Amino acid sequence: MGSGWLILYMVVITVGFYFLAIRPQQQAGKKHKEMIDNLRVGDKILSAAGMFGEITFIGEDRMLVKFAEGVIIEMSRTAVVRKIEDDE
């Protein structure tokens, strides 16, 4: 009877850990990938380096981003933290 409770306790802890830690992380990753896939030329973005810019070209895994007049940088699409909406 003692080992039955121990197994039940371990199952409850594992299920709880899944719903509190693993599943939210998977959903955030899925949402980020969806945002990356929907980027278009002209979108304003925030890079992982904390710089705001505007997309001027998008390739398969890289893009060109204009950060200032005459400053265009090639960067990975995955380096985009978020898309800046017009109302922000």
N, C-alpha and C. Protein backbone atom coordinates (compact mmCIF):
# COMPACT_ATOMS: atom_id res chain seq x y z
N MET A 1 0.83 -1.19 0.00
CA MET A 1 0.00 0.00 0.00
C MET A 1 0.87 1.25 0.00
N GLY A 2 2.02 1.20 0.64
CA GLY A 2 2.91 2.36 0.71
C GLY A 2 3.48 2.75 -0.63
N SER A 3 3.88 1.75 -1.43
CA SER A 3 4.47 2.06 -2.74
C SER A 3 3.40 2.56 -3.72
N GLY A 4 2.16 2.17 -3.52
CA GLY A 4 1.07 2.65 -4.38
C GLY A 4 0.89 4.15 -4.24
N TRP A 5 0.98 4.64 -3.00
CA TRP A 5 0.86 6.09 -2.76
C TRP A 5 2.05 6.83 -3.35
N LEU A 6 3.21 6.23 -3.26
CA LEU A 6 4.42 6.85 -3.81
C LEU A 6 4.31 6.99 -5.33
N ILE A 7 3.82 5.97 -5.98
CA ILE A 7 3.65 6.02 -7.44
C ILE A 7 2.60 7.06 -7.81
N LEU A 8 1.50 7.09 -7.08
CA LEU A 8 0.46 8.09 -7.32
C LEU A 8 1.01 9.51 -7.12
N TYR A 9 1.79 9.69 -6.08
CA TYR A 9 2.41 10.99 -5.79
C TYR A 9 3.33 11.40 -6.94
N MET A 10 4.12 10.49 -7.46
CA MET A 10 5.04 10.79 -8.56
C MET A 10 4.27 11.14 -9.84
N VAL A 11 3.17 10.44 -10.10
CA VAL A 11 2.35 10.73 -11.28
C VAL A 11 1.75 12.13 -11.16
N VAL A 12 1.23 12.47 -9.98
CA VAL A 12 0.63 13.79 -9.76
C VAL A 12 1.68 14.89 -9.94
N ILE A 13 2.87 14.69 -9.40
CA ILE A 13 3.95 15.67 -9.54
C ILE A 13 4.34 15.83 -11.01
N THR A 14 4.46 14.73 -11.74
CA THR A 14 4.83 14.77 -13.15
C THR A 14 3.78 15.50 -13.98
N VAL A 15 2.52 15.20 -13.76
CA VAL A 15 1.42 15.85 -14.49
C VAL A 15 1.39 17.34 -14.15
N GLY A 16 1.54 17.67 -12.88
CA GLY A 16 1.57 19.07 -12.46
C GLY A 16 2.72 19.82 -13.10
N PHE A 17 3.91 19.23 -13.13
CA PHE A 17 5.07 19.86 -13.74
C PHE A 17 4.83 20.09 -15.23
N TYR A 18 4.22 19.13 -15.89
CA TYR A 18 3.92 19.27 -17.32
C TYR A 18 3.03 20.49 -17.57
N PHE A 19 1.94 20.62 -16.81
CA PHE A 19 0.99 21.70 -17.03
C PHE A 19 1.50 23.05 -16.54
N LEU A 20 2.41 23.07 -15.60
CA LEU A 20 2.92 24.34 -15.08
C LEU A 20 4.20 24.81 -15.77
N ALA A 21 4.98 23.92 -16.36
CA ALA A 21 6.26 24.33 -16.93
C ALA A 21 6.42 23.98 -18.41
N ILE A 22 6.19 22.75 -18.76
CA ILE A 22 6.50 22.30 -20.13
C ILE A 22 5.47 22.81 -21.14
N ARG A 23 4.20 22.63 -20.87
CA ARG A 23 3.16 23.01 -21.83
C ARG A 23 3.15 24.51 -22.14
N PRO A 24 3.23 25.40 -21.15
CA PRO A 24 3.28 26.84 -21.47
C PRO A 24 4.49 27.20 -22.33
N GLN A 25 5.63 26.57 -22.10
CA GLN A 25 6.82 26.84 -22.90
C GLN A 25 6.62 26.38 -24.35
N GLN A 26 5.98 25.24 -24.53
CA GLN A 26 5.70 24.75 -25.88
C GLN A 26 4.74 25.69 -26.61
N GLN A 27 3.73 26.18 -25.91
CA GLN A 27 2.77 27.08 -26.52
C GLN A 27 3.43 28.41 -26.89
N ALA A 28 4.31 28.93 -26.04
CA ALA A 28 5.02 30.18 -26.34
C ALA A 28 5.92 29.99 -27.56
N GLY A 29 6.60 28.87 -27.66
CA GLY A 29 7.44 28.58 -28.82
C GLY A 29 6.63 28.49 -30.10
N LYS A 30 5.48 27.86 -30.02
CA LYS A 30 4.60 27.73 -31.19
C LYS A 30 4.09 29.11 -31.63
N LYS A 31 3.73 29.95 -30.67
CA LYS A 31 3.24 31.29 -30.97
C LYS A 31 4.35 32.14 -31.61
N HIS A 32 5.59 32.02 -31.10
CA HIS A 32 6.72 32.76 -31.65
C HIS A 32 7.01 32.31 -33.09
N LYS A 33 6.99 31.01 -33.34
CA LYS A 33 7.23 30.48 -34.69
C LYS A 33 6.16 30.98 -35.65
N GLU A 34 4.93 31.02 -35.20
CA GLU A 34 3.83 31.51 -36.03
C GLU A 34 4.04 33.00 -36.37
N MET A 35 4.49 33.79 -35.39
CA MET A 35 4.76 35.20 -35.62
C MET A 35 5.90 35.37 -36.63
N ILE A 36 6.96 34.57 -36.49
CA ILE A 36 8.10 34.63 -37.41
C ILE A 36 7.65 34.27 -38.84
N ASP A 37 6.82 33.26 -38.97
CA ASP A 37 6.34 32.81 -40.29
C ASP A 37 5.46 33.86 -40.97
N ASN A 38 4.82 34.73 -40.19
CA ASN A 38 3.90 35.72 -40.74
C ASN A 38 4.52 37.10 -40.93
N LEU A 39 5.84 37.24 -40.75
CA LEU A 39 6.49 38.53 -40.96
C LEU A 39 6.47 38.88 -42.44
N ARG A 40 6.30 40.16 -42.73
CA ARG A 40 6.25 40.65 -44.11
C ARG A 40 7.14 41.88 -44.25
N VAL A 41 7.53 42.19 -45.48
CA VAL A 41 8.30 43.40 -45.76
C VAL A 41 7.47 44.61 -45.32
N GLY A 42 8.13 45.53 -44.62
CA GLY A 42 7.44 46.72 -44.11
C GLY A 42 7.02 46.61 -42.66
N ASP A 43 7.03 45.39 -42.10
CA ASP A 43 6.69 45.22 -40.68
C ASP A 43 7.76 45.84 -39.80
N LYS A 44 7.32 46.45 -38.72
CA LYS A 44 8.25 46.98 -37.74
C LYS A 44 8.45 45.91 -36.67
N ILE A 45 9.72 45.71 -36.26
CA ILE A 45 10.04 44.62 -35.34
C ILE A 45 10.94 45.09 -34.21
N LEU A 46 11.01 44.28 -33.17
CA LEU A 46 11.97 44.45 -32.09
C LEU A 46 12.91 43.26 -32.15
N SER A 47 14.21 43.53 -32.26
CA SER A 47 15.18 42.43 -32.35
C SER A 47 15.58 41.95 -30.96
N ALA A 48 16.23 40.80 -30.92
CA ALA A 48 16.70 40.25 -29.64
C ALA A 48 17.74 41.16 -29.00
N ALA A 49 18.40 42.01 -29.80
CA ALA A 49 19.39 42.95 -29.27
C ALA A 49 18.73 44.20 -28.70
N GLY A 50 17.41 44.29 -28.81
CA GLY A 50 16.69 45.43 -28.26
C GLY A 50 16.58 46.61 -29.21
N MET A 51 16.81 46.36 -30.49
CA MET A 51 16.76 47.44 -31.48
C MET A 51 15.47 47.34 -32.29
N PHE A 52 14.86 48.51 -32.55
CA PHE A 52 13.65 48.58 -33.35
C PHE A 52 14.03 48.84 -34.80
N GLY A 53 13.37 48.17 -35.73
CA GLY A 53 13.67 48.37 -37.14
C GLY A 53 12.50 47.99 -38.01
N GLU A 54 12.71 48.16 -39.31
CA GLU A 54 11.69 47.84 -40.31
C GLU A 54 12.26 46.86 -41.32
N ILE A 55 11.52 45.81 -41.60
CA ILE A 55 11.97 44.77 -42.52
C ILE A 55 11.94 45.31 -43.95
N THR A 56 13.06 45.14 -44.66
CA THR A 56 13.13 45.57 -46.06
C THR A 56 13.21 44.40 -47.03
N PHE A 57 13.62 43.22 -46.57
CA PHE A 57 13.70 42.03 -47.40
C PHE A 57 13.61 40.80 -46.49
N ILE A 58 12.91 39.79 -46.95
CA ILE A 58 12.81 38.54 -46.18
C ILE A 58 13.22 37.38 -47.07
N GLY A 59 14.18 36.58 -46.59
CA GLY A 59 14.60 35.37 -47.26
C GLY A 59 14.11 34.15 -46.50
N GLU A 60 14.67 33.00 -46.84
CA GLU A 60 14.27 31.75 -46.20
C GLU A 60 14.52 31.76 -44.70
N ASP A 61 15.74 32.11 -44.29
CA ASP A 61 16.07 32.12 -42.86
C ASP A 61 16.71 33.42 -42.40
N ARG A 62 16.90 34.36 -43.33
CA ARG A 62 17.50 35.66 -43.00
C ARG A 62 16.64 36.78 -43.57
N MET A 63 16.90 37.98 -43.07
CA MET A 63 16.19 39.15 -43.58
C MET A 63 17.06 40.38 -43.43
N LEU A 64 16.71 41.42 -44.16
CA LEU A 64 17.38 42.70 -44.05
C LEU A 64 16.47 43.63 -43.28
N VAL A 65 17.04 44.31 -42.27
CA VAL A 65 16.26 45.20 -41.43
C VAL A 65 16.91 46.57 -41.42
N LYS A 66 16.09 47.59 -41.67
CA LYS A 66 16.56 48.97 -41.64
C LYS A 66 16.34 49.50 -40.22
N PHE A 67 17.45 49.85 -39.55
CA PHE A 67 17.38 50.35 -38.19
C PHE A 67 17.45 51.87 -38.13
N ALA A 68 18.09 52.48 -39.13
CA ALA A 68 18.19 53.93 -39.23
C ALA A 68 18.48 54.26 -40.69
N GLU A 69 18.42 55.53 -41.04
CA GLU A 69 18.70 55.93 -42.42
C GLU A 69 20.11 55.49 -42.80
N GLY A 70 20.20 54.63 -43.81
CA GLY A 70 21.49 54.13 -44.27
C GLY A 70 22.06 52.99 -43.46
N VAL A 71 21.32 52.49 -42.47
CA VAL A 71 21.79 51.38 -41.63
C VAL A 71 20.87 50.18 -41.85
N ILE A 72 21.30 49.28 -42.72
CA ILE A 72 20.53 48.07 -43.00
C ILE A 72 21.40 46.88 -42.60
N ILE A 73 20.84 46.01 -41.77
CA ILE A 73 21.59 44.88 -41.22
C ILE A 73 20.90 43.58 -41.61
N GLU A 74 21.72 42.60 -42.00
CA GLU A 74 21.20 41.26 -42.26
C GLU A 74 21.15 40.51 -40.94
N MET A 75 20.02 39.90 -40.66
CA MET A 75 19.88 39.16 -39.40
C MET A 75 19.01 37.94 -39.60
N SER A 76 19.11 37.03 -38.65
CA SER A 76 18.32 35.81 -38.67
C SER A 76 16.86 36.14 -38.35
N ARG A 77 15.96 35.44 -38.98
CA ARG A 77 14.54 35.65 -38.69
C ARG A 77 14.21 35.30 -37.24
N THR A 78 14.93 34.33 -36.69
CA THR A 78 14.64 33.92 -35.31
C THR A 78 15.09 34.95 -34.28
N ALA A 79 15.84 35.97 -34.70
CA ALA A 79 16.29 37.02 -33.77
C ALA A 79 15.21 38.06 -33.52
N VAL A 80 14.05 37.90 -34.14
CA VAL A 80 12.94 38.82 -33.91
C VAL A 80 12.22 38.41 -32.63
N VAL A 81 12.11 39.34 -31.71
CA VAL A 81 11.43 39.06 -30.45
C VAL A 81 9.93 39.26 -30.61
N ARG A 82 9.56 40.36 -31.26
CA ARG A 82 8.13 40.60 -31.49
C ARG A 82 7.92 41.59 -32.62
N LYS A 83 6.74 41.54 -33.17
CA LYS A 83 6.32 42.48 -34.22
C LYS A 83 5.66 43.66 -33.52
N ILE A 84 6.03 44.85 -33.96
CA ILE A 84 5.45 46.07 -33.37
C ILE A 84 4.20 46.42 -34.17
N GLU A 85 3.09 46.52 -33.50
CA GLU A 85 1.83 46.87 -34.16
C GLU A 85 1.77 48.38 -34.35
N ASP A 86 0.95 48.83 -35.29
CA ASP A 86 0.85 50.25 -35.61
C ASP A 86 0.36 51.09 -34.44
N ASP A 87 -0.43 50.52 -33.56
CA ASP A 87 -0.98 51.29 -32.43
C ASP A 87 -0.03 51.37 -31.24
N GLU A 88 1.15 50.78 -31.34
CA GLU A 88 2.11 50.81 -30.22
C GLU A 88 3.01 52.00 -30.32
